[in-house]
């Protein structure tokens, strides 16, 4: 699966997580850790994608 470019304006780097490249993900995560904002606010503003952690975990734990 081909990775899309980062959601950050004019950034052409490939995504790492939540639709952001490694550098922009780290910048966003830093602000979340410092309690300046939340991932939910970023998601609502379209500045990141929702996490897929729950979906992935659920799939691995399925009995099928």
PDB file of N, CA and C in Angstrom:
ATOM      1  N   UNK A   1       0.838  -1.180   0.000  1.00  0.00           N
ATOM      2  CA  UNK A   1       0.000   0.000   0.000  1.00  0.00           C
ATOM      3  C   UNK A   1       0.890   1.253   0.000  1.00  0.00           C
ATOM      4  N   UNK A   2       0.653   2.130  -0.939  1.00  0.00           N
ATOM      5  CA  UNK A   2       1.440   3.345  -1.064  1.00  0.00           C
ATOM      6  C   UNK A   2       1.004   4.368  -0.017  1.00  0.00           C
ATOM      7  N   UNK A   3       1.974   4.965   0.658  1.00  0.00           N
ATOM      8  CA  UNK A   3       1.657   5.971   1.660  1.00  0.00           C
ATOM      9  C   UNK A   3       1.393   7.307   0.985  1.00  0.00           C
ATOM     10  N   UNK A   4       0.449   8.051   1.530  1.00  0.00           N
ATOM     11  CA  UNK A   4       0.085   9.357   0.992  1.00  0.00           C
ATOM     12  C   UNK A   4       0.987  10.423   1.595  1.00  0.00           C
ATOM     13  N   UNK A   5       1.010  11.619   0.996  1.00  0.00           N
ATOM     14  CA  UNK A   5       1.809  12.704   1.585  1.00  0.00           C
ATOM     15  C   UNK A   5       1.201  13.190   2.895  1.00  0.00           C
ATOM     16  N   UNK A   6       2.027  13.782   3.698  1.00  0.00           N
ATOM     17  CA  UNK A   6       1.645  14.347   4.992  1.00  0.00           C
ATOM     18  C   UNK A   6       0.498  15.359   4.834  1.00  0.00           C
ATOM     19  N   UNK A   7      -0.380  15.428   5.831  1.00  0.00           N
ATOM     20  CA  UNK A   7      -1.488  16.384   5.816  1.00  0.00           C
ATOM     21  C   UNK A   7      -1.033  17.836   6.029  1.00  0.00           C
ATOM     22  N   UNK A   8       0.165  18.019   6.587  1.00  0.00           N
ATOM     23  CA  UNK A   8       0.659  19.372   6.841  1.00  0.00           C
ATOM     24  C   UNK A   8       0.819  20.096   5.506  1.00  0.00           C
ATOM     25  N   UNK A   9       0.337  21.348   5.430  1.00  0.00           N
ATOM     26  CA  UNK A   9       0.403  22.093   4.156  1.00  0.00           C
ATOM     27  C   UNK A   9       1.810  22.138   3.558  1.00  0.00           C
ATOM     28  N   UNK A  10       1.895  21.859   2.285  1.00  0.00           N
ATOM     29  CA  UNK A  10       3.119  21.903   1.471  1.00  0.00           C
ATOM     30  C   UNK A  10       4.164  20.854   1.851  1.00  0.00           C
ATOM     31  N   UNK A  11       3.832  19.944   2.757  1.00  0.00           N
ATOM     32  CA  UNK A  11       4.776  18.875   3.116  1.00  0.00           C
ATOM     33  C   UNK A  11       4.529  17.704   2.175  1.00  0.00           C
ATOM     34  N   UNK A  12       5.570  17.218   1.549  1.00  0.00           N
ATOM     35  CA  UNK A  12       5.449  16.127   0.601  1.00  0.00           C
ATOM     36  C   UNK A  12       6.019  14.818   1.147  1.00  0.00           C
ATOM     37  N   UNK A  13       6.422  14.828   2.412  1.00  0.00           N
ATOM     38  CA  UNK A  13       6.968  13.613   3.030  1.00  0.00           C
ATOM     39  C   UNK A  13       5.873  12.562   3.192  1.00  0.00           C
ATOM     40  N   UNK A  14       6.265  11.319   3.207  1.00  0.00           N
ATOM     41  CA  UNK A  14       5.311  10.221   3.358  1.00  0.00           C
ATOM     42  C   UNK A  14       4.814  10.144   4.808  1.00  0.00           C
ATOM     43  N   UNK A  15       3.589   9.664   4.968  1.00  0.00           N
ATOM     44  CA  UNK A  15       2.985   9.612   6.295  1.00  0.00           C
ATOM     45  C   UNK A  15       3.612   8.536   7.167  1.00  0.00           C
ATOM     46  N   UNK A  16       3.599   8.807   8.461  1.00  0.00           N
ATOM     47  CA  UNK A  16       4.054   7.859   9.472  1.00  0.00           C
ATOM     48  C   UNK A  16       2.851   7.353  10.250  1.00  0.00           C
ATOM     49  N   UNK A  17       2.101   8.293  10.799  1.00  0.00           N
ATOM     50  CA  UNK A  17       0.949   7.959  11.631  1.00  0.00           C
ATOM     51  C   UNK A  17      -0.043   9.101  11.613  1.00  0.00           C
ATOM     52  N   UNK A  18      -1.319   8.768  11.691  1.00  0.00           N
ATOM     53  CA  UNK A  18      -2.400   9.756  11.728  1.00  0.00           C
ATOM     54  C   UNK A  18      -2.371  10.715  10.540  1.00  0.00           C
ATOM     55  N   UNK A  19      -1.794  10.296   9.433  1.00  0.00           N
ATOM     56  CA  UNK A  19      -1.760  11.119   8.233  1.00  0.00           C
ATOM     57  C   UNK A  19      -0.659  12.159   8.237  1.00  0.00           C
ATOM     58  N   UNK A  20       0.250  12.075   9.198  1.00  0.00           N
ATOM     59  CA  UNK A  20       1.350  13.037   9.315  1.00  0.00           C
ATOM     60  C   UNK A  20       2.687  12.333   9.112  1.00  0.00           C
ATOM     61  N   UNK A  21       3.662  13.063   8.586  1.00  0.00           N
ATOM     62  CA  UNK A  21       5.011  12.519   8.454  1.00  0.00           C
ATOM     63  C   UNK A  21       5.640  12.435   9.847  1.00  0.00           C
ATOM     64  N   UNK A  22       6.793  11.824   9.948  1.00  0.00           N
ATOM     65  CA  UNK A  22       7.452  11.641  11.242  1.00  0.00           C
ATOM     66  C   UNK A  22       7.699  12.977  11.949  1.00  0.00           C
ATOM     67  N   UNK A  23       8.186  13.982  11.219  1.00  0.00           N
ATOM     68  CA  UNK A  23       8.494  15.273  11.851  1.00  0.00           C
ATOM     69  C   UNK A  23       7.238  15.985  12.347  1.00  0.00           C
ATOM     70  N   UNK A  24       6.203  16.017  11.525  1.00  0.00           N
ATOM     71  CA  UNK A  24       4.988  16.721  11.932  1.00  0.00           C
ATOM     72  C   UNK A  24       4.208  15.936  12.984  1.00  0.00           C
ATOM     73  N   UNK A  25       4.291  14.614  12.952  1.00  0.00           N
ATOM     74  CA  UNK A  25       3.666  13.805  14.000  1.00  0.00           C
ATOM     75  C   UNK A  25       4.334  14.120  15.340  1.00  0.00           C
ATOM     76  N   UNK A  26       5.654  14.172  15.358  1.00  0.00           N
ATOM     77  CA  UNK A  26       6.376  14.458  16.603  1.00  0.00           C
ATOM     78  C   UNK A  26       6.034  15.852  17.130  1.00  0.00           C
ATOM     79  N   UNK A  27       5.915  16.829  16.242  1.00  0.00           N
ATOM     80  CA  UNK A  27       5.554  18.189  16.660  1.00  0.00           C
ATOM     81  C   UNK A  27       4.152  18.201  17.271  1.00  0.00           C
ATOM     82  N   UNK A  28       3.214  17.511  16.634  1.00  0.00           N
ATOM     83  CA  UNK A  28       1.842  17.446  17.146  1.00  0.00           C
ATOM     84  C   UNK A  28       1.807  16.694  18.473  1.00  0.00           C
ATOM     85  N   UNK A  29       2.497  15.567  18.549  1.00  0.00           N
ATOM     86  CA  UNK A  29       2.521  14.766  19.769  1.00  0.00           C
ATOM     87  C   UNK A  29       3.126  15.542  20.930  1.00  0.00           C
ATOM     88  N   UNK A  30       4.135  16.341  20.642  1.00  0.00           N
ATOM     89  CA  UNK A  30       4.759  17.175  21.674  1.00  0.00           C
ATOM     90  C   UNK A  30       3.723  18.129  22.281  1.00  0.00           C
ATOM     91  N   UNK A  31       2.929  18.777  21.443  1.00  0.00           N
ATOM     92  CA  UNK A  31       1.906  19.699  21.933  1.00  0.00           C
ATOM     93  C   UNK A  31       0.817  18.961  22.716  1.00  0.00           C
ATOM     94  N   UNK A  32       0.487  17.748  22.298  1.00  0.00           N
ATOM     95  CA  UNK A  32      -0.501  16.951  23.034  1.00  0.00           C
ATOM     96  C   UNK A  32       0.064  16.554  24.396  1.00  0.00           C
ATOM     97  N   UNK A  33       1.321  16.107  24.436  1.00  0.00           N
ATOM     98  CA  UNK A  33       1.946  15.730  25.722  1.00  0.00           C
ATOM     99  C   UNK A  33       2.020  16.910  26.679  1.00  0.00           C
ATOM    100  N   UNK A  34       2.259  18.100  26.135  1.00  0.00           N
ATOM    101  CA  UNK A  34       2.334  19.321  26.959  1.00  0.00           C
ATOM    102  C   UNK A  34       0.955  19.868  27.316  1.00  0.00           C
ATOM    103  N   UNK A  35      -0.099  19.145  26.886  1.00  0.00           N
ATOM    104  CA  UNK A  35      -1.488  19.516  27.164  1.00  0.00           C
ATOM    105  C   UNK A  35      -1.878  20.879  26.572  1.00  0.00           C
ATOM    106  N   UNK A  36      -1.245  21.222  25.450  1.00  0.00           N
ATOM    107  CA  UNK A  36      -1.599  22.457  24.725  1.00  0.00           C
ATOM    108  C   UNK A  36      -2.823  22.222  23.849  1.00  0.00           C
ATOM    109  N   UNK A  37      -3.061  20.963  23.471  1.00  0.00           N
ATOM    110  CA  UNK A  37      -4.197  20.573  22.633  1.00  0.00           C
ATOM    111  C   UNK A  37      -4.429  19.086  22.819  1.00  0.00           C
ATOM    112  N   UNK A  38      -5.338  18.527  22.035  1.00  0.00           N
ATOM    113  CA  UNK A  38      -5.615  17.089  22.104  1.00  0.00           C
ATOM    114  C   UNK A  38      -5.689  16.515  20.690  1.00  0.00           C
ATOM    115  N   UNK A  39      -5.552  15.202  20.597  1.00  0.00           N
ATOM    116  CA  UNK A  39      -5.696  14.549  19.302  1.00  0.00           C
ATOM    117  C   UNK A  39      -7.116  14.725  18.785  1.00  0.00           C
ATOM    118  N   UNK A  40      -8.091  14.726  19.672  1.00  0.00           N
ATOM    119  CA  UNK A  40      -9.492  14.906  19.257  1.00  0.00           C
ATOM    120  C   UNK A  40      -9.674  16.269  18.583  1.00  0.00           C
ATOM    121  N   UNK A  41      -9.071  17.309  19.138  1.00  0.00           N
ATOM    122  CA  UNK A  41      -9.165  18.640  18.517  1.00  0.00           C
ATOM    123  C   UNK A  41      -8.499  18.642  17.146  1.00  0.00           C
ATOM    124  N   UNK A  42      -7.341  17.992  17.041  1.00  0.00           N
ATOM    125  CA  UNK A  42      -6.671  17.886  15.744  1.00  0.00           C
ATOM    126  C   UNK A  42      -7.557  17.162  14.735  1.00  0.00           C
ATOM    127  N   UNK A  43      -8.178  16.061  15.165  1.00  0.00           N
ATOM    128  CA  UNK A  43      -9.051  15.292  14.273  1.00  0.00           C
ATOM    129  C   UNK A  43     -10.216  16.149  13.785  1.00  0.00           C
ATOM    130  N   UNK A  44     -10.878  16.845  14.704  1.00  0.00           N
ATOM    131  CA  UNK A  44     -12.028  17.677  14.345  1.00  0.00           C
ATOM    132  C   UNK A  44     -11.644  18.802  13.393  1.00  0.00           C
ATOM    133  N   UNK A  45     -10.418  19.314  13.510  1.00  0.00           N
ATOM    134  CA  UNK A  45      -9.937  20.389  12.647  1.00  0.00           C
ATOM    135  C   UNK A  45      -9.394  19.855  11.318  1.00  0.00           C
ATOM    136  N   UNK A  46      -9.340  18.539  11.175  1.00  0.00           N
ATOM    137  CA  UNK A  46      -8.810  17.945   9.950  1.00  0.00           C
ATOM    138  C   UNK A  46      -7.300  17.992   9.868  1.00  0.00           C
ATOM    139  N   UNK A  47      -6.635  18.166  11.008  1.00  0.00           N
ATOM    140  CA  UNK A  47      -5.173  18.268  11.019  1.00  0.00           C
ATOM    141  C   UNK A  47      -4.488  16.931  11.244  1.00  0.00           C
ATOM    142  N   UNK A  48      -5.271  15.894  11.533  1.00  0.00           N
ATOM    143  CA  UNK A  48      -4.748  14.540  11.632  1.00  0.00           C
ATOM    144  C   UNK A  48      -5.899  13.571  11.416  1.00  0.00           C
ATOM    145  N   UNK A  49      -5.549  12.321  11.197  1.00  0.00           N
ATOM    146  CA  UNK A  49      -6.554  11.278  11.031  1.00  0.00           C
ATOM    147  C   UNK A  49      -6.779  10.583  12.375  1.00  0.00           C
ATOM    148  N   UNK A  50      -7.937   9.945  12.538  1.00  0.00           N
ATOM    149  CA  UNK A  50      -8.157   9.186  13.770  1.00  0.00           C
ATOM    150  C   UNK A  50      -7.183   8.018  13.868  1.00  0.00           C
ATOM    151  N   UNK A  51      -6.924   7.597  15.072  1.00  0.00           N
ATOM    152  CA  UNK A  51      -6.052   6.450  15.283  1.00  0.00           C
ATOM    153  C   UNK A  51      -6.755   5.174  14.847  1.00  0.00           C
ATOM    154  N   UNK A  52      -5.998   4.204  14.403  1.00  0.00           N
ATOM    155  CA  UNK A  52      -6.580   2.918  14.031  1.00  0.00           C
ATOM    156  C   UNK A  52      -6.214   1.857  15.059  1.00  0.00           C
ATOM    157  N   UNK A  53      -5.618   2.272  16.168  1.00  0.00           N
ATOM    158  CA  UNK A  53      -5.137   1.332  17.178  1.00  0.00           C
ATOM    159  C   UNK A  53      -6.240   0.383  17.645  1.00  0.00           C
ATOM    160  N   UNK A  54      -7.415   0.889  17.977  1.00  0.00           N
ATOM    161  CA  UNK A  54      -8.509   0.051  18.448  1.00  0.00           C
ATOM    162  C   UNK A  54      -8.962  -0.939  17.398  1.00  0.00           C
ATOM    163  N   UNK A  55      -8.998  -0.505  16.142  1.00  0.00           N
ATOM    164  CA  UNK A  55      -9.414  -1.372  15.040  1.00  0.00           C
ATOM    165  C   UNK A  55      -8.407  -2.504  14.862  1.00  0.00           C
ATOM    166  N   UNK A  56      -7.149  -2.183  14.891  1.00  0.00           N
ATOM    167  CA  UNK A  56      -6.101  -3.196  14.713  1.00  0.00           C
ATOM    168  C   UNK A  56      -6.124  -4.172  15.876  1.00  0.00           C
ATOM    169  N   UNK A  57      -6.196  -3.673  17.085  1.00  0.00           N
ATOM    170  CA  UNK A  57      -6.234  -4.534  18.272  1.00  0.00           C
ATOM    171  C   UNK A  57      -7.438  -5.462  18.219  1.00  0.00           C
ATOM    172  N   UNK A  58      -8.607  -4.925  17.873  1.00  0.00           N
ATOM    173  CA  UNK A  58      -9.822  -5.730  17.801  1.00  0.00           C
ATOM    174  C   UNK A  58      -9.675  -6.845  16.768  1.00  0.00           C
ATOM    175  N   UNK A  59      -9.074  -6.554  15.626  1.00  0.00           N
ATOM    176  CA  UNK A  59      -8.903  -7.549  14.588  1.00  0.00           C
ATOM    177  C   UNK A  59      -8.026  -8.701  15.084  1.00  0.00           C
ATOM    178  N   UNK A  60      -6.932  -8.384  15.742  1.00  0.00           N
ATOM    179  CA  UNK A  60      -6.030  -9.430  16.234  1.00  0.00           C
ATOM    180  C   UNK A  60      -6.667 -10.266  17.342  1.00  0.00           C
ATOM    181  N   UNK A  61      -7.592  -9.696  18.077  1.00  0.00           N
ATOM    182  CA  UNK A  61      -8.220 -10.420  19.176  1.00  0.00           C
ATOM    183  C   UNK A  61      -9.481 -11.184  18.774  1.00  0.00           C
ATOM    184  N   UNK A  62      -9.921 -11.032  17.535  1.00  0.00           N
ATOM    185  CA  UNK A  62     -11.101 -11.755  17.059  1.00  0.00           C
ATOM    186  C   UNK A  62     -10.859 -13.252  17.076  1.00  0.00           C
ATOM    187  N   UNK A  63     -11.924 -14.014  17.292  1.00  0.00           N
ATOM    188  CA  UNK A  63     -11.829 -15.476  17.299  1.00  0.00           C
ATOM    189  C   UNK A  63     -11.858 -16.081  15.910  1.00  0.00           C
ATOM    190  N   UNK A  64     -12.215 -15.315  14.913  1.00  0.00           N
ATOM    191  CA  UNK A  64     -12.346 -15.846  13.540  1.00  0.00           C
ATOM    192  C   UNK A  64     -11.021 -16.187  12.954  1.00  0.00           C
TER     193      UNK A  64
END
